[in-house]
């Protein structure tokens, strides 16, 4: 699949299936540098939950570089910021930076992700964390109701010259669904992360609304500390 800079990475990954998305989701996932706009969502997570006590160390490790969120809570305000930019390797990139204001905490918890398209495979690669240590393949599917179903696949760890396929026994597979509720006028999001041996690790569900500010690049505060070239 060849890259078409004028189109969003989601349109290029989904092809004609992109047009089956709900119109509001097409706008939300249509962010690109040539499109000239970003998507900023603000809403409330009805519930953020995690698995049994023994999942906490796993989540705390991921928290160190904003790869996972270890907090739990109900009615948690959050934001998600999707800005397009060209990374130092010339790739069209979209930020997926989320912040959660858990009641009783002095600072928000933050989850950093940046996404690019692997043109050779036609697959979106999701780099997780502030240093893009973990690269995750994403499988995308448009559901009959126009919602977007996203499942995480193979994961690779990169640090300096070190590179290896991350064993799924020590990680989790995410299933995320985004939809648009016409009656309520809100986006709905639902996420679950599970490990094939240990079961449920982490999840949340909530609603949000979006604004679409003009943008052709991402603010420095949303970009990773380093950009990994390897896909």
Foldseek 3Di string as FASTA:
>chain_A
DDDDQLFFLVCLLCPPQLVLADPVVNVQRRAHLNVQKKKKKKWWWQWKDFDDPVLQVLQVVCQPFQQHDNDIAGRKIKMWIWHWEQPPVRFIKIKTKMWTDHPPDPGTRIWTWMWTAPVVVSWIWIQTGQASQKTWTWDWDQDNQNKIKIKTDWMWGDDVPDIDTDDLQSFWMKIKIWGADPVVRWIKIWMWTARPPPGTGIITIIIIHIDMGGHNHDDPVRHHPHDDPDD
